[in-house]
């Protein structure tokens, strides 16, 4: 608790998300269409889970992405998740095209 405010157990949520991402990537790696698809899946899934988890954190000491210009809109973790998501989406798109052209 923080000053009488009950908090979400975000560390437990993060652990559960990590296990689910591991299981997903393990399955995708076995059945995936092309090299790079598992990495793309992991990047997209991790970026999404991290961004969602940040909504439940109440961390007084955390920093925000472009805080001076945008205010407290995106946490640093959410800001870092954006390029991770984009890179993962590009990998997924490229591996789909490789599979379609084969």
Protein backbone atom coordinates (compact mmCIF):
# COMPACT_ATOMS: atom_id res chain seq x y z
CA UNK A 1 0.00 0.00 0.00
CA UNK A 2 1.05 3.54 -0.67
CA UNK A 3 -0.43 6.01 1.79
CA UNK A 4 -3.49 3.83 2.26
CA UNK A 5 -4.00 3.18 -1.45
CA UNK A 6 -4.15 -0.52 -2.36
CA UNK A 7 -1.87 -1.25 -5.33
CA UNK A 8 -2.01 -3.85 -8.09
CA UNK A 9 0.64 -6.59 -7.87
CA UNK A 10 2.21 -5.56 -11.18
CA UNK A 11 5.30 -7.72 -10.61
CA UNK A 12 3.06 -10.77 -10.50
CA UNK A 13 1.22 -9.59 -13.62
CA UNK A 14 4.59 -9.11 -15.38
CA UNK A 15 5.68 -12.62 -14.41
CA UNK A 16 2.44 -14.13 -15.71
CA UNK A 17 2.77 -12.13 -18.93
CA UNK A 18 6.37 -13.33 -19.37
CA UNK A 19 5.35 -16.96 -19.00
CA UNK A 20 2.48 -16.52 -21.47
CA UNK A 21 4.80 -14.79 -23.96
CA UNK A 22 7.33 -17.62 -23.54
CA UNK A 23 4.65 -20.23 -24.26
CA UNK A 24 3.41 -18.26 -27.27
CA UNK A 25 6.89 -17.78 -28.73
CA UNK A 26 7.77 -21.44 -28.12
CA UNK A 27 4.70 -22.52 -30.06
CA UNK A 28 5.25 -19.97 -32.82
CA UNK A 29 8.88 -21.02 -33.13
CA UNK A 30 7.84 -24.62 -33.72
CA UNK A 31 5.00 -23.80 -36.11
CA UNK A 32 6.10 -20.39 -37.40
CA UNK A 33 6.15 -19.66 -41.09
CA UNK A 34 9.69 -18.26 -41.43
CA UNK A 35 12.79 -17.22 -39.50
CA UNK A 36 12.20 -13.98 -37.63
CA UNK A 37 8.53 -14.64 -36.99
CA UNK A 38 9.14 -15.77 -33.39
CA UNK A 39 11.24 -12.69 -32.66
CA UNK A 40 8.59 -10.43 -34.18
CA UNK A 41 5.92 -12.15 -32.10
CA UNK A 42 7.97 -11.70 -28.92
CA UNK A 43 8.63 -8.01 -29.60
CA UNK A 44 4.98 -7.24 -30.30
CA UNK A 45 3.67 -9.29 -27.36
CA UNK A 46 6.20 -7.86 -24.89
CA UNK A 47 5.59 -4.27 -26.03
CA UNK A 48 1.84 -4.71 -25.66
CA UNK A 49 2.06 -6.40 -22.25
CA UNK A 50 4.52 -3.82 -20.91
CA UNK A 51 2.39 -0.91 -22.09
CA UNK A 52 -0.72 -2.39 -20.49
CA UNK A 53 1.10 -3.18 -17.24
CA UNK A 54 2.27 0.42 -16.99
CA UNK A 55 -1.36 1.51 -16.73
CA UNK A 56 -1.65 -0.33 -13.40
CA UNK A 57 1.62 0.87 -11.85
CA UNK A 58 1.57 3.65 -9.35
CA UNK A 59 5.25 4.46 -9.11
CA UNK A 60 5.92 7.93 -7.75
CA UNK A 61 9.54 7.89 -8.88
CA UNK A 62 9.01 6.88 -12.49
CA UNK A 63 9.92 9.09 -15.38
CA UNK A 64 7.86 9.93 -18.43
CA UNK A 65 8.73 9.98 -22.12
CA UNK A 66 8.99 13.57 -23.46
CA UNK A 67 7.64 14.81 -20.14
CA UNK A 68 8.63 18.42 -20.88
CA UNK A 69 6.61 18.61 -24.10
CA UNK A 70 3.80 16.03 -23.74
CA UNK A 71 3.40 16.01 -19.98
CA UNK A 72 2.83 12.76 -18.11
CA UNK A 73 1.26 10.88 -20.99
CA UNK A 74 3.68 8.04 -21.73
CA UNK A 75 5.91 6.37 -19.18
CA UNK A 76 9.47 5.62 -20.23
CA UNK A 77 8.59 1.93 -20.57
CA UNK A 78 5.65 2.76 -22.83
CA UNK A 79 7.86 5.06 -24.91
CA UNK A 80 10.42 2.28 -25.36
CA UNK A 81 7.63 -0.17 -26.21
CA UNK A 82 6.60 1.87 -29.26
CA UNK A 83 9.76 1.17 -31.34
CA UNK A 84 9.76 -2.43 -30.07
CA UNK A 85 6.21 -2.86 -31.33
CA UNK A 86 7.04 -1.25 -34.68
CA UNK A 87 10.15 -3.41 -35.15
CA UNK A 88 8.15 -6.54 -34.26
CA UNK A 89 5.37 -5.59 -36.66
CA UNK A 90 7.92 -5.02 -39.45
CA UNK A 91 9.48 -8.43 -38.78
CA UNK A 92 6.06 -10.11 -38.80
CA UNK A 93 5.15 -8.34 -42.04
CA UNK A 94 8.43 -9.29 -43.73
CA UNK A 95 8.22 -12.93 -42.68
CA UNK A 96 4.63 -13.09 -43.97
CA UNK A 97 5.78 -11.74 -47.34
CA UNK A 98 8.62 -14.29 -47.45
CA UNK A 99 6.12 -17.06 -46.74
CA UNK A 100 3.65 -15.78 -49.38
CA UNK A 101 6.34 -15.58 -52.07
CA UNK A 102 7.57 -19.14 -51.38
